[in-house]
Amino acid sequence: AWMCLEELPVLDETIFEAQHLQACFFKYHDSAVRGRMLPRWTMRYFELQAGVLLYRRRLGGAVRGTMCLENAWVVAEPAKQSPSGEFFVIRVDWAHSRAPLRLSCASQAVASQWALAIAAAAEYLRTRGRRGVAQHGGTAAGPLPGAPPR
């Protein structure tokens, strides 16, 4: 395993509200066109702000998507080998409605930091609830360290 769940931070309201990370990741696309005419993995610029993931195609570009982490959980997939080296894949799943989000980067430290931060934010939303976050596309609540709710 390339990350340790014992490092999962517990967020209080102040830490949750202040949560802000930025990083570049490869984002997986599962469209039928991808892999033939277009690449399946494309570079995107992500931000995590108080339980909401945002991404842009270009640094400083328009926000192309927002995803609330309510009802989310995180899976650290096994490290993947590619011609460019070893990559660490984070999968974010939602209990209902949205397709999984798969992110990949070559830095184990960055992938681990983000997986833990996403998991902690989703856990905070699950256990504390959060009014107003649903405006970003979320629903109720749930994540992480274990298997998805069924």
Protein backbone atom coordinates (compact mmCIF):
# COMPACT_ATOMS: atom_id res chain seq x y z
CA ALA A 1 0.00 0.00 0.00
CA TRP A 2 1.34 3.40 -0.93
CA MET A 3 -0.59 5.33 1.73
CA CYS A 4 -1.42 4.86 5.39
CA LEU A 5 -4.96 5.40 6.73
CA GLU A 6 -3.59 5.94 10.22
CA GLU A 7 -2.54 9.35 8.92
CA LEU A 8 -6.16 10.35 8.16
CA PRO A 9 -6.66 13.76 9.78
CA VAL A 10 -9.76 14.54 11.81
CA LEU A 11 -11.15 17.90 10.78
CA ASP A 12 -13.01 20.38 12.92
CA GLU A 13 -15.04 23.21 11.39
CA THR A 14 -12.14 25.68 11.41
CA ILE A 15 -9.71 23.29 9.70
CA PHE A 16 -12.39 22.15 7.23
CA GLU A 17 -13.26 25.73 6.24
CA ALA A 18 -9.55 26.57 5.79
CA GLN A 19 -8.81 23.45 3.71
CA HIS A 20 -7.22 24.45 0.41
CA LEU A 21 -4.90 22.42 -1.80
CA GLN A 22 -3.78 22.87 -5.41
CA ALA A 23 -2.01 20.35 -7.64
CA CYS A 24 -1.74 18.99 -11.17
CA PHE A 25 -3.09 15.50 -11.79
CA PHE A 26 -3.81 13.34 -14.78
CA LYS A 27 -7.61 12.87 -14.96
CA TYR A 28 -9.02 9.67 -16.43
CA HIS A 29 -11.70 9.83 -19.13
CA ASP A 30 -13.75 6.73 -19.90
CA SER A 31 -15.44 7.95 -23.07
CA ALA A 32 -15.50 5.50 -26.01
CA VAL A 33 -13.57 8.06 -28.10
CA ARG A 34 -10.81 8.22 -25.51
CA GLY A 35 -7.90 5.90 -26.11
CA ARG A 36 -8.48 5.82 -29.86
CA MET A 37 -8.63 9.43 -30.97
CA LEU A 38 -7.92 11.24 -27.72
CA PRO A 39 -5.82 10.30 -24.68
CA ARG A 40 -7.56 8.59 -21.76
CA TRP A 41 -5.47 10.51 -19.19
CA THR A 42 -5.18 14.30 -19.52
CA MET A 43 -3.45 16.87 -17.32
CA ARG A 44 -5.82 18.94 -15.22
CA TYR A 45 -5.34 21.50 -12.47
CA PHE A 46 -7.25 20.63 -9.30
CA GLU A 47 -8.15 22.52 -6.15
CA LEU A 48 -9.68 21.18 -2.97
CA GLN A 49 -11.54 23.87 -1.03
CA ALA A 50 -13.56 22.99 2.07
CA GLY A 51 -15.00 19.74 0.75
CA VAL A 52 -15.32 20.74 -2.90
CA LEU A 53 -13.03 19.64 -5.74
CA LEU A 54 -12.65 22.05 -8.66
CA TYR A 55 -10.69 21.47 -11.83
CA ARG A 56 -9.43 23.46 -14.79
CA ARG A 57 -7.97 22.42 -18.11
CA ARG A 58 -5.27 25.05 -17.87
CA LEU A 59 -3.61 26.79 -14.95
CA GLY A 60 -5.60 29.97 -14.37
CA GLY A 61 -8.29 28.85 -16.83
CA ALA A 62 -12.01 28.65 -16.28
CA VAL A 63 -13.33 26.12 -13.76
CA ARG A 64 -14.52 23.14 -15.84
CA GLY A 65 -16.04 21.09 -13.05
CA THR A 66 -16.91 21.14 -9.37
CA MET A 67 -17.60 18.10 -7.24
CA CYS A 68 -18.85 18.21 -3.68
CA LEU A 69 -17.40 15.43 -1.53
CA GLU A 70 -20.70 14.66 0.20
CA ASN A 71 -21.49 10.95 -0.27
CA ALA A 72 -17.90 10.37 -1.40
CA TRP A 73 -15.24 7.89 -0.41
CA VAL A 74 -11.65 7.43 -1.57
CA VAL A 75 -9.87 4.38 -2.93
CA ALA A 76 -6.09 4.32 -3.27
CA GLU A 77 -5.61 2.05 -6.28
CA PRO A 78 -2.42 0.02 -6.61
CA ALA A 79 0.47 2.00 -8.09
CA LYS A 80 0.55 1.74 -11.90
CA GLN A 81 3.61 1.41 -14.11
CA SER A 82 3.71 3.40 -17.32
CA PRO A 83 6.44 4.24 -19.85
CA SER A 84 6.89 7.48 -17.87
CA GLY A 85 7.41 5.70 -14.53
CA GLU A 86 5.30 4.78 -11.53
CA PHE A 87 1.98 6.60 -10.96
CA PHE A 88 -0.28 6.69 -7.92
CA VAL A 89 -4.01 6.62 -8.62
CA ILE A 90 -6.72 8.04 -6.39
CA ARG A 91 -10.30 7.08 -7.16
CA VAL A 92 -13.13 9.13 -5.68
CA ASP A 93 -16.48 7.33 -5.73
CA TRP A 94 -19.87 8.70 -4.79
CA ALA A 95 -22.64 6.60 -3.24
CA HIS A 96 -25.17 7.86 -5.77
CA SER A 97 -25.38 9.66 -9.04
CA ARG A 98 -21.94 10.47 -10.32
CA ALA A 99 -19.26 8.49 -12.11
CA PRO A 100 -15.99 7.86 -10.25
CA LEU A 101 -13.20 10.39 -10.57
CA ARG A 102 -9.72 8.91 -11.12
CA LEU A 103 -6.66 11.08 -10.57
CA SER A 104 -3.05 10.08 -11.08
CA CYS A 105 0.35 11.62 -10.37
CA ALA A 106 3.95 10.49 -10.19
CA SER A 107 4.47 11.80 -6.65
CA GLN A 108 3.50 9.37 -3.92
CA ALA A 109 3.64 12.19 -1.36
CA VAL A 110 1.22 14.40 -3.34
CA ALA A 111 -1.16 11.51 -4.08
CA SER A 112 -1.16 10.47 -0.42
CA GLN A 113 -1.68 14.04 0.80
CA TRP A 114 -4.64 14.49 -1.54
CA ALA A 115 -6.21 11.08 -0.86
CA LEU A 116 -6.09 11.77 2.88
CA ALA A 117 -7.37 15.35 2.50
CA ILE A 118 -10.28 14.25 0.28
CA ALA A 119 -11.11 11.40 2.66
CA ALA A 120 -10.96 13.69 5.70
CA ALA A 121 -13.23 16.29 4.06
CA ALA A 122 -15.74 13.62 3.01
CA GLU A 123 -15.67 12.16 6.52
CA TYR A 124 -16.26 15.60 8.02
CA LEU A 125 -19.26 16.12 5.73
CA ARG A 126 -20.60 12.66 6.52
CA THR A 127 -20.34 12.95 10.28
CA ARG A 128 -21.15 16.63 10.78
CA GLY A 129 -23.40 17.37 7.84
CA ARG A 130 -22.97 20.63 6.04
CA ARG A 131 -25.65 23.03 4.86
CA GLY A 132 -25.02 24.87 1.64
CA VAL A 133 -22.44 22.49 0.21
CA ALA A 134 -25.08 20.72 -1.89
CA GLN A 135 -25.08 23.78 -4.17
CA HIS A 136 -21.82 22.42 -5.62
CA GLY A 137 -23.46 19.20 -6.80
CA GLY A 138 -23.38 16.99 -3.70
CA THR A 139 -26.18 15.16 -2.02
CA ALA A 140 -26.20 13.80 1.52
CA ALA A 141 -23.08 12.34 3.13
CA GLY A 142 -20.64 9.44 3.44
CA PRO A 143 -17.09 8.14 2.65
CA LEU A 144 -14.13 6.34 3.16
CA PRO A 145 -11.62 4.31 4.98
CA GLY A 146 -13.61 1.17 4.26
CA ALA A 147 -15.88 -0.13 1.56
CA PRO A 148 -18.59 1.92 -0.07
CA PRO A 149 -22.00 2.07 1.56
CA ARG A 150 -24.46 -0.32 -0.10
